[in-house]
Amino acid sequence: MKEAFTVLLMFLLVGGVAAHGIEITPESFIVIADNSTGKLARSVADETGVNVTVYRFQSAADVEHELEHALGNPNKKILAVAYQETVKEFLNRHPELSDRVAYCSADENSIRENLLKLDSADVGAGSDFLTPFSSGALIGVILGMVLGALWMKRKIS
């Protein structure tokens, strides 16, 4: 009974995992556009020389999903030329992303200004591999020891 309580306690102490789907835009700097703004955004990006990928989204739900990926990826920068209301609402809920996520009107000057501003933004020094790896290894070792002890106890009895 004590072992079962220990295992239950371990599972309760482990933080939740945020898994909501695959990221369709693996690039670190993207522009959210739609069918009417995609060509303009691409041409302005080419003129300014900013290394950015322009994606044409079909719905506000897809944009919201993409913005959620920015929560877990500290290197992701997003400029929204379309779906500005969706991005504005998202930024109101997550103001910590305001230095990496922006929206602008669909005119040449606004796009250029915001592209250059986001391109020069320092978003940190890459992803941290050691922390999640160490956490996972520690959880695996503890869980393995508990399950191994339970299995051996059952086999001996």
C-alpha atoms as a PDB file:
ATOM      1  CA  MET A   1       0.000   0.000   0.000  1.00  0.00           C
ATOM      2  CA  LYS A   2       2.860   2.340   0.841  1.00  0.00           C
ATOM      3  CA  GLU A   3       4.415   1.767  -2.596  1.00  0.00           C
ATOM      4  CA  ALA A   4       1.164   2.561  -4.369  1.00  0.00           C
ATOM      5  CA  PHE A   5       0.862   5.792  -2.394  1.00  0.00           C
ATOM      6  CA  THR A   6       4.445   6.711  -3.317  1.00  0.00           C
ATOM      7  CA  VAL A   7       3.796   6.120  -7.030  1.00  0.00           C
ATOM      8  CA  LEU A   8       0.572   8.144  -6.864  1.00  0.00           C
ATOM      9  CA  LEU A   9       2.380  10.961  -5.093  1.00  0.00           C
ATOM     10  CA  MET A  10       5.121  10.993  -7.744  1.00  0.00           C
ATOM     11  CA  PHE A  11       2.585  11.286 -10.561  1.00  0.00           C
ATOM     12  CA  LEU A  12       0.842  14.139  -8.782  1.00  0.00           C
ATOM     13  CA  LEU A  13       4.100  16.031  -8.341  1.00  0.00           C
ATOM     14  CA  VAL A  14       5.127  15.751 -11.987  1.00  0.00           C
ATOM     15  CA  GLY A  15       4.173  18.854 -13.933  1.00  0.00           C
ATOM     16  CA  GLY A  16       1.688  18.673 -16.750  1.00  0.00           C
ATOM     17  CA  VAL A  17       2.755  18.230 -20.327  1.00  0.00           C
ATOM     18  CA  ALA A  18       1.460  20.713 -22.877  1.00  0.00           C
ATOM     19  CA  ALA A  19       0.880  18.719 -26.039  1.00  0.00           C
ATOM     20  CA  HIS A  20      -1.585  20.259 -28.435  1.00  0.00           C
ATOM     21  CA  GLY A  21      -0.356  19.213 -31.841  1.00  0.00           C
ATOM     22  CA  ILE A  22       2.545  19.415 -34.201  1.00  0.00           C
ATOM     23  CA  GLU A  23       4.078  22.763 -35.049  1.00  0.00           C
ATOM     24  CA  ILE A  24       3.484  23.459 -38.731  1.00  0.00           C
ATOM     25  CA  THR A  25       5.919  26.368 -38.879  1.00  0.00           C
ATOM     26  CA  PRO A  26       9.299  25.220 -37.542  1.00  0.00           C
ATOM     27  CA  GLU A  27      11.064  28.406 -38.623  1.00  0.00           C
ATOM     28  CA  SER A  28      12.087  30.847 -35.917  1.00  0.00           C
ATOM     29  CA  PHE A  29      10.705  33.987 -37.631  1.00  0.00           C
ATOM     30  CA  ILE A  30       7.399  33.890 -39.471  1.00  0.00           C
ATOM     31  CA  VAL A  31       4.812  36.266 -40.861  1.00  0.00           C
ATOM     32  CA  ILE A  32       1.144  35.389 -40.481  1.00  0.00           C
ATOM     33  CA  ALA A  33      -0.735  36.412 -43.585  1.00  0.00           C
ATOM     34  CA  ASP A  34      -3.842  35.467 -45.515  1.00  0.00           C
ATOM     35  CA  ASN A  35      -4.579  35.240 -49.237  1.00  0.00           C
ATOM     36  CA  SER A  36      -4.908  39.005 -49.633  1.00  0.00           C
ATOM     37  CA  THR A  37      -1.777  40.008 -47.672  1.00  0.00           C
ATOM     38  CA  GLY A  38       0.669  37.188 -48.412  1.00  0.00           C
ATOM     39  CA  LYS A  39       2.217  38.612 -51.591  1.00  0.00           C
ATOM     40  CA  LEU A  40       2.682  42.062 -50.086  1.00  0.00           C
ATOM     41  CA  ALA A  41       4.328  40.664 -46.952  1.00  0.00           C
ATOM     42  CA  ARG A  42       6.647  38.463 -49.022  1.00  0.00           C
ATOM     43  CA  SER A  43       7.708  41.333 -51.288  1.00  0.00           C
ATOM     44  CA  VAL A  44       8.425  43.647 -48.338  1.00  0.00           C
ATOM     45  CA  ALA A  45      10.426  40.905 -46.609  1.00  0.00           C
ATOM     46  CA  ASP A  46      12.457  40.367 -49.778  1.00  0.00           C
ATOM     47  CA  GLU A  47      13.098  44.110 -50.128  1.00  0.00           C
ATOM     48  CA  THR A  48      14.288  44.473 -46.538  1.00  0.00           C
ATOM     49  CA  GLY A  49      16.458  41.361 -46.673  1.00  0.00           C
ATOM     50  CA  VAL A  50      14.963  39.908 -43.483  1.00  0.00           C
ATOM     51  CA  ASN A  51      15.152  36.126 -43.312  1.00  0.00           C
ATOM     52  CA  VAL A  52      11.493  35.365 -42.666  1.00  0.00           C
ATOM     53  CA  THR A  53       8.949  32.846 -43.912  1.00  0.00           C
ATOM     54  CA  VAL A  54       5.471  34.039 -44.864  1.00  0.00           C
ATOM     55  CA  TYR A  55       2.610  31.641 -44.137  1.00  0.00           C
ATOM     56  CA  ARG A  56      -0.919  32.066 -45.393  1.00  0.00           C
ATOM     57  CA  PHE A  57      -3.330  30.948 -42.713  1.00  0.00           C
ATOM     58  CA  GLN A  58      -6.922  30.004 -43.437  1.00  0.00           C
ATOM     59  CA  SER A  59      -8.558  30.535 -40.033  1.00  0.00           C
ATOM     60  CA  ALA A  60      -8.200  32.308 -36.718  1.00  0.00           C
ATOM     61  CA  ALA A  61      -8.033  28.922 -34.976  1.00  0.00           C
ATOM     62  CA  ASP A  62      -4.902  28.022 -36.956  1.00  0.00           C
ATOM     63  CA  VAL A  63      -3.352  31.359 -36.001  1.00  0.00           C
ATOM     64  CA  GLU A  64      -4.198  30.789 -32.323  1.00  0.00           C
ATOM     65  CA  HIS A  65      -2.588  27.351 -32.507  1.00  0.00           C
ATOM     66  CA  GLU A  66       0.564  28.816 -34.014  1.00  0.00           C
ATOM     67  CA  LEU A  67       0.717  31.503 -31.342  1.00  0.00           C
ATOM     68  CA  GLU A  68       0.511  28.828 -28.645  1.00  0.00           C
ATOM     69  CA  HIS A  69       3.725  27.345 -30.020  1.00  0.00           C
ATOM     70  CA  ALA A  70       5.449  30.663 -29.313  1.00  0.00           C
ATOM     71  CA  LEU A  71       4.725  30.098 -25.618  1.00  0.00           C
ATOM     72  CA  GLY A  72       6.954  27.031 -25.577  1.00  0.00           C
ATOM     73  CA  ASN A  73       9.575  28.203 -28.049  1.00  0.00           C
ATOM     74  CA  PRO A  74      11.521  31.210 -26.735  1.00  0.00           C
ATOM     75  CA  ASN A  75      13.245  31.702 -30.115  1.00  0.00           C
ATOM     76  CA  LYS A  76      10.046  32.086 -32.136  1.00  0.00           C
ATOM     77  CA  LYS A  77       9.222  35.539 -33.505  1.00  0.00           C
ATOM     78  CA  ILE A  78       5.891  36.214 -35.209  1.00  0.00           C
ATOM     79  CA  LEU A  79       4.577  39.200 -37.132  1.00  0.00           C
ATOM     80  CA  ALA A  80       0.883  39.124 -38.000  1.00  0.00           C
ATOM     81  CA  VAL A  81      -0.164  41.071 -41.079  1.00  0.00           C
ATOM     82  CA  ALA A  82      -3.559  39.357 -41.055  1.00  0.00           C
ATOM     83  CA  TYR A  83      -5.725  38.143 -38.161  1.00  0.00           C
ATOM     84  CA  GLN A  84      -4.647  41.135 -36.075  1.00  0.00           C
ATOM     85  CA  GLU A  85      -7.624  40.824 -33.692  1.00  0.00           C
ATOM     86  CA  THR A  86      -6.738  37.218 -32.890  1.00  0.00           C
ATOM     87  CA  VAL A  87      -3.133  38.186 -32.181  1.00  0.00           C
ATOM     88  CA  LYS A  88      -4.196  41.201 -30.129  1.00  0.00           C
ATOM     89  CA  GLU A  89      -6.452  39.041 -27.931  1.00  0.00           C
ATOM     90  CA  PHE A  90      -3.678  36.470 -27.543  1.00  0.00           C
ATOM     91  CA  LEU A  91      -1.182  39.149 -26.500  1.00  0.00           C
ATOM     92  CA  ASN A  92      -3.667  40.493 -23.951  1.00  0.00           C
ATOM     93  CA  ARG A  93      -3.721  37.027 -22.360  1.00  0.00           C
ATOM     94  CA  HIS A  94       0.071  36.533 -22.714  1.00  0.00           C
ATOM     95  CA  PRO A  95       1.816  39.918 -22.438  1.00  0.00           C
ATOM     96  CA  GLU A  96       5.178  38.198 -21.893  1.00  0.00           C
ATOM     97  CA  LEU A  97       5.290  37.532 -25.648  1.00  0.00           C
ATOM     98  CA  SER A  98       5.003  41.190 -26.655  1.00  0.00           C
ATOM     99  CA  ASP A  99       8.723  41.425 -27.446  1.00  0.00           C
ATOM    100  CA  ARG A 100       8.514  38.455 -29.888  1.00  0.00           C
ATOM    101  CA  VAL A 101       4.976  38.639 -31.265  1.00  0.00           C
ATOM    102  CA  ALA A 102       3.602  41.703 -33.025  1.00  0.00           C
ATOM    103  CA  TYR A 103       0.841  42.689 -35.412  1.00  0.00           C
ATOM    104  CA  CYS A 104       0.645  45.473 -37.931  1.00  0.00           C
ATOM    105  CA  SER A 105      -1.574  46.839 -40.646  1.00  0.00           C
ATOM    106  CA  ALA A 106      -1.255  45.473 -44.142  1.00  0.00           C
ATOM    107  CA  ASP A 107       0.642  48.398 -45.642  1.00  0.00           C
ATOM    108  CA  GLU A 108       4.199  48.423 -46.882  1.00  0.00           C
ATOM    109  CA  ASN A 109       5.683  50.872 -44.357  1.00  0.00           C
ATOM    110  CA  SER A 110       4.111  49.200 -41.323  1.00  0.00           C
ATOM    111  CA  ILE A 111       5.252  45.750 -42.419  1.00  0.00           C
ATOM    112  CA  ARG A 112       8.798  46.969 -43.104  1.00  0.00           C
ATOM    113  CA  GLU A 113       9.058  48.787 -39.770  1.00  0.00           C
ATOM    114  CA  ASN A 114       7.796  45.825 -37.743  1.00  0.00           C
ATOM    115  CA  LEU A 115       9.896  43.277 -39.646  1.00  0.00           C
ATOM    116  CA  LEU A 116      13.057  45.244 -38.905  1.00  0.00           C
ATOM    117  CA  LYS A 117      12.035  45.759 -35.264  1.00  0.00           C
ATOM    118  CA  LEU A 118      11.379  42.041 -34.678  1.00  0.00           C
ATOM    119  CA  ASP A 119      14.464  41.012 -36.647  1.00  0.00           C
ATOM    120  CA  SER A 120      16.685  43.069 -34.351  1.00  0.00           C
ATOM    121  CA  ALA A 121      14.974  41.808 -31.176  1.00  0.00           C
ATOM    122  CA  ASP A 122      17.202  39.612 -29.021  1.00  0.00           C
ATOM    123  CA  VAL A 123      15.116  36.598 -28.015  1.00  0.00           C
ATOM    124  CA  GLY A 124      17.663  34.647 -25.998  1.00  0.00           C
ATOM    125  CA  ALA A 125      20.441  32.212 -26.527  1.00  0.00           C
ATOM    126  CA  GLY A 126      18.890  29.110 -28.031  1.00  0.00           C
ATOM    127  CA  SER A 127      17.051  26.258 -26.429  1.00  0.00           C
ATOM    128  CA  ASP A 128      18.125  24.618 -23.205  1.00  0.00           C
ATOM    129  CA  PHE A 129      18.629  20.877 -23.693  1.00  0.00           C
ATOM    130  CA  LEU A 130      20.096  19.895 -20.352  1.00  0.00           C
ATOM    131  CA  THR A 131      17.180  20.853 -18.091  1.00  0.00           C
ATOM    132  CA  PRO A 132      14.427  18.820 -19.809  1.00  0.00           C
ATOM    133  CA  PHE A 133      16.812  15.916 -20.353  1.00  0.00           C
ATOM    134  CA  SER A 134      17.877  15.844 -16.699  1.00  0.00           C
ATOM    135  CA  SER A 135      14.273  16.098 -15.513  1.00  0.00           C
ATOM    136  CA  GLY A 136      13.179  13.258 -17.756  1.00  0.00           C
ATOM    137  CA  ALA A 137      16.117  11.074 -16.758  1.00  0.00           C
ATOM    138  CA  LEU A 138      15.449  11.668 -13.051  1.00  0.00           C
ATOM    139  CA  ILE A 139      11.755  10.861 -13.412  1.00  0.00           C
ATOM    140  CA  GLY A 140      12.606   7.740 -15.409  1.00  0.00           C
ATOM    141  CA  VAL A 141      15.111   6.503 -12.828  1.00  0.00           C
ATOM    142  CA  ILE A 142      12.740   7.072  -9.900  1.00  0.00           C
ATOM    143  CA  LEU A 143       9.809   5.478 -11.692  1.00  0.00           C
ATOM    144  CA  GLY A 144      11.986   2.548 -12.778  1.00  0.00           C
ATOM    145  CA  MET A 145      13.212   1.968  -9.239  1.00  0.00           C
ATOM    146  CA  VAL A 146       9.696   2.020  -7.795  1.00  0.00           C
ATOM    147  CA  LEU A 147       8.279  -0.264 -10.473  1.00  0.00           C
ATOM    148  CA  GLY A 148      11.288  -2.580 -10.184  1.00  0.00           C
ATOM    149  CA  ALA A 149      10.880  -2.797  -6.404  1.00  0.00           C
ATOM    150  CA  LEU A 150       7.179  -3.562  -6.771  1.00  0.00           C
ATOM    151  CA  TRP A 151       7.885  -6.215  -9.396  1.00  0.00           C
ATOM    152  CA  MET A 152      10.610  -7.860  -7.324  1.00  0.00           C
ATOM    153  CA  LYS A 153       8.433  -7.808  -4.186  1.00  0.00           C
ATOM    154  CA  ARG A 154       5.630  -9.476  -6.108  1.00  0.00           C
ATOM    155  CA  LYS A 155       8.000 -12.067  -7.572  1.00  0.00           C
ATOM    156  CA  ILE A 156       9.494 -12.941  -4.164  1.00  0.00           C
ATOM    157  CA  SER A 157       6.137 -13.229  -2.380  1.00  0.00           C
END
